[in-house]
N, C-alpha and C. Protein backbone atom coordinates (compact mmCIF):
# COMPACT_ATOMS: atom_id res chain seq x y z
N MET A 1 121.15 123.97 126.61
CA MET A 1 119.94 124.12 125.83
C MET A 1 119.95 125.50 125.17
N VAL A 2 119.42 125.52 123.95
CA VAL A 2 119.28 126.77 123.23
C VAL A 2 117.80 126.96 122.95
N ARG A 3 117.28 128.10 123.42
CA ARG A 3 115.85 128.39 123.23
C ARG A 3 115.67 129.69 122.46
N ASP A 4 114.59 129.76 121.69
CA ASP A 4 114.22 130.99 121.01
C ASP A 4 113.87 132.04 122.08
N SER A 5 114.44 133.23 121.94
CA SER A 5 114.25 134.25 122.98
C SER A 5 112.83 134.80 123.02
N GLN A 6 112.09 134.68 121.95
CA GLN A 6 110.72 135.19 121.92
C GLN A 6 109.70 134.13 122.33
N SER A 7 109.79 132.96 121.71
CA SER A 7 108.78 131.92 121.94
C SER A 7 109.15 130.92 123.02
N GLU A 8 110.42 130.93 123.45
CA GLU A 8 110.94 129.95 124.40
C GLU A 8 110.97 128.53 123.83
N GLU A 9 110.78 128.38 122.51
CA GLU A 9 110.84 127.06 121.87
C GLU A 9 112.27 126.51 121.99
N LEU A 10 112.39 125.24 122.34
CA LEU A 10 113.68 124.58 122.42
C LEU A 10 114.21 124.35 121.01
N LEU A 11 115.35 124.93 120.70
CA LEU A 11 115.95 124.81 119.37
C LEU A 11 117.02 123.73 119.31
N ALA A 12 117.76 123.55 120.41
CA ALA A 12 118.82 122.55 120.45
C ALA A 12 119.15 122.24 121.90
N ALA A 13 119.65 121.03 122.12
CA ALA A 13 120.10 120.63 123.46
C ALA A 13 121.24 119.64 123.29
N GLY A 14 122.12 119.61 124.27
CA GLY A 14 123.24 118.69 124.19
C GLY A 14 123.84 118.44 125.55
N ALA A 15 124.72 117.46 125.61
CA ALA A 15 125.45 117.14 126.83
C ALA A 15 126.89 116.83 126.44
N ASP A 16 127.80 117.11 127.34
CA ASP A 16 129.22 116.93 127.07
C ASP A 16 129.76 115.83 127.97
N ARG A 17 130.42 114.84 127.38
CA ARG A 17 131.00 113.75 128.16
C ARG A 17 132.25 114.19 128.90
N ARG A 18 132.93 115.19 128.35
CA ARG A 18 134.15 115.68 128.98
C ARG A 18 133.79 116.46 130.24
N VAL A 19 134.60 116.31 131.26
CA VAL A 19 134.36 117.03 132.51
C VAL A 19 135.67 117.63 132.98
N GLY A 20 135.66 118.89 133.33
CA GLY A 20 136.81 119.52 133.96
C GLY A 20 138.04 119.63 133.11
N GLY A 21 138.54 120.83 132.93
CA GLY A 21 139.81 121.07 132.30
C GLY A 21 139.89 120.79 130.82
N ASN A 22 138.76 120.42 130.22
CA ASN A 22 138.74 120.17 128.78
C ASN A 22 139.71 119.06 128.39
N GLN A 23 139.99 118.12 129.29
CA GLN A 23 140.96 117.08 129.01
C GLN A 23 140.44 115.73 129.48
N LEU A 24 140.93 114.68 128.84
CA LEU A 24 140.64 113.33 129.33
C LEU A 24 141.33 113.13 130.66
N GLY A 25 140.76 112.33 131.52
CA GLY A 25 141.38 112.02 132.79
C GLY A 25 140.98 112.96 133.91
N GLN A 26 140.34 114.05 133.61
CA GLN A 26 139.87 114.97 134.64
C GLN A 26 138.48 114.49 135.09
N ALA A 27 138.28 114.33 136.37
CA ALA A 27 137.03 113.75 136.86
C ALA A 27 136.00 114.78 137.29
N THR A 28 136.42 115.99 137.61
CA THR A 28 135.47 116.97 138.12
C THR A 28 135.78 118.35 137.57
N VAL A 29 134.80 119.22 137.63
CA VAL A 29 135.01 120.63 137.34
C VAL A 29 135.54 121.23 138.63
N SER A 30 136.78 121.72 138.62
CA SER A 30 137.38 122.15 139.87
C SER A 30 137.38 123.66 140.07
N ASN A 31 137.14 124.43 138.99
CA ASN A 31 137.10 125.89 139.17
C ASN A 31 136.35 126.52 138.00
N TRP A 32 136.17 127.84 138.09
CA TRP A 32 135.44 128.55 137.04
C TRP A 32 136.20 128.55 135.73
N GLY A 33 137.50 128.40 135.76
CA GLY A 33 138.29 128.29 134.54
C GLY A 33 137.88 127.07 133.73
N ASP A 34 137.60 125.95 134.44
CA ASP A 34 137.13 124.75 133.77
C ASP A 34 135.79 125.02 133.08
N VAL A 35 134.91 125.71 133.78
CA VAL A 35 133.60 126.05 133.21
C VAL A 35 133.78 126.92 131.97
N GLU A 36 134.65 127.92 132.05
CA GLU A 36 134.93 128.79 130.90
C GLU A 36 135.46 127.98 129.73
N ASN A 37 136.36 127.04 129.97
CA ASN A 37 136.91 126.21 128.90
C ASN A 37 135.83 125.38 128.22
N ILE A 38 134.96 124.80 129.00
CA ILE A 38 133.89 123.97 128.44
C ILE A 38 132.92 124.84 127.63
N LEU A 39 132.51 125.98 128.17
CA LEU A 39 131.60 126.87 127.45
C LEU A 39 132.25 127.44 126.19
N GLY A 40 133.54 127.74 126.28
CA GLY A 40 134.27 128.22 125.11
C GLY A 40 134.30 127.18 124.02
N TYR A 41 134.53 125.93 124.40
CA TYR A 41 134.53 124.84 123.42
C TYR A 41 133.17 124.72 122.75
N TRP A 42 132.10 124.74 123.54
CA TRP A 42 130.76 124.59 122.97
C TRP A 42 130.43 125.74 122.03
N SER A 43 130.81 126.95 122.37
CA SER A 43 130.53 128.07 121.47
C SER A 43 131.36 127.97 120.19
N ASP A 44 132.62 127.54 120.31
CA ASP A 44 133.46 127.33 119.12
C ASP A 44 132.88 126.23 118.23
N LEU A 45 132.39 125.16 118.85
CA LEU A 45 131.81 124.06 118.10
C LEU A 45 130.54 124.50 117.38
N ALA A 46 129.69 125.26 118.06
CA ALA A 46 128.46 125.77 117.42
C ALA A 46 128.80 126.65 116.22
N ARG A 47 129.78 127.55 116.41
CA ARG A 47 130.20 128.43 115.31
C ARG A 47 130.73 127.61 114.14
N TYR A 48 131.54 126.59 114.43
CA TYR A 48 132.11 125.74 113.39
C TYR A 48 131.00 124.99 112.62
N ARG A 49 130.08 124.40 113.34
CA ARG A 49 129.02 123.63 112.68
C ARG A 49 128.11 124.53 111.84
N LEU A 50 127.82 125.73 112.31
CA LEU A 50 127.03 126.67 111.51
C LEU A 50 127.79 127.07 110.25
N CYS A 51 129.08 127.27 110.37
CA CYS A 51 129.93 127.62 109.23
C CYS A 51 129.92 126.50 108.20
N VAL A 52 130.10 125.26 108.65
CA VAL A 52 130.09 124.10 107.75
C VAL A 52 128.72 123.96 107.10
N ASN A 53 127.67 124.18 107.87
CA ASN A 53 126.31 124.05 107.36
C ASN A 53 126.03 125.02 106.22
N ARG A 54 126.61 126.22 106.28
CA ARG A 54 126.39 127.18 105.20
C ARG A 54 127.42 127.04 104.08
N LYS A 55 128.22 125.97 104.17
CA LYS A 55 129.20 125.59 103.15
C LYS A 55 130.27 126.67 102.91
N ALA A 56 130.66 127.33 103.98
CA ALA A 56 131.74 128.32 103.89
C ALA A 56 133.08 127.60 103.75
N LYS A 57 134.05 128.27 103.20
CA LYS A 57 135.37 127.67 102.96
C LYS A 57 136.36 127.91 104.10
N ASP A 58 136.07 128.87 104.98
CA ASP A 58 137.04 129.28 106.01
C ASP A 58 136.65 128.84 107.42
N CYS A 59 136.01 127.69 107.56
CA CYS A 59 135.57 127.20 108.88
C CYS A 59 136.77 126.72 109.69
N THR A 60 136.79 127.10 110.96
CA THR A 60 137.89 126.73 111.86
C THR A 60 137.38 125.76 112.92
N LYS A 61 137.98 124.55 112.95
CA LYS A 61 137.58 123.56 113.95
C LYS A 61 137.94 124.05 115.34
N PRO A 62 137.13 123.65 116.35
CA PRO A 62 137.46 124.02 117.73
C PRO A 62 138.82 123.47 118.14
N LYS A 63 139.54 124.19 118.99
CA LYS A 63 140.87 123.79 119.41
C LYS A 63 140.87 122.86 120.62
N ALA A 64 139.78 122.81 121.36
CA ALA A 64 139.73 121.98 122.56
C ALA A 64 139.71 120.50 122.17
N GLY A 65 140.23 119.66 123.04
CA GLY A 65 140.27 118.23 122.77
C GLY A 65 138.90 117.60 122.84
N LEU A 66 138.71 116.58 122.05
CA LEU A 66 137.46 115.84 122.04
C LEU A 66 137.70 114.43 122.59
N VAL A 67 136.69 113.86 123.22
CA VAL A 67 136.80 112.47 123.66
C VAL A 67 136.84 111.61 122.40
N ARG A 68 135.86 111.74 121.54
CA ARG A 68 135.82 111.05 120.25
C ARG A 68 134.58 111.52 119.54
N ASN A 69 134.74 112.21 118.44
CA ASN A 69 133.58 112.70 117.71
C ASN A 69 133.93 112.78 116.24
N PRO A 70 133.73 111.72 115.48
CA PRO A 70 134.10 111.72 114.07
C PRO A 70 133.20 112.58 113.22
N ALA A 71 132.10 113.12 113.77
CA ALA A 71 131.15 113.91 112.99
C ALA A 71 131.71 115.28 112.62
N ILE A 72 132.75 115.76 113.31
CA ILE A 72 133.27 117.09 112.97
C ILE A 72 134.61 117.02 112.30
């Protein structure tokens, strides 16, 4: 969830189908490295979508694997 730091208004929320290791076939989050990979992917995805939204030419897609998301 992303909230405004002043008003606490909910700005965005999401859930990730991928679990553990940023790869298909992984069933659980087994260590903090998995958590870092997932959070890194989400921050890269947010940066990419904001870049596309402002119609920039140099947007870089996230490098982590996706289950299936044709929207990006």
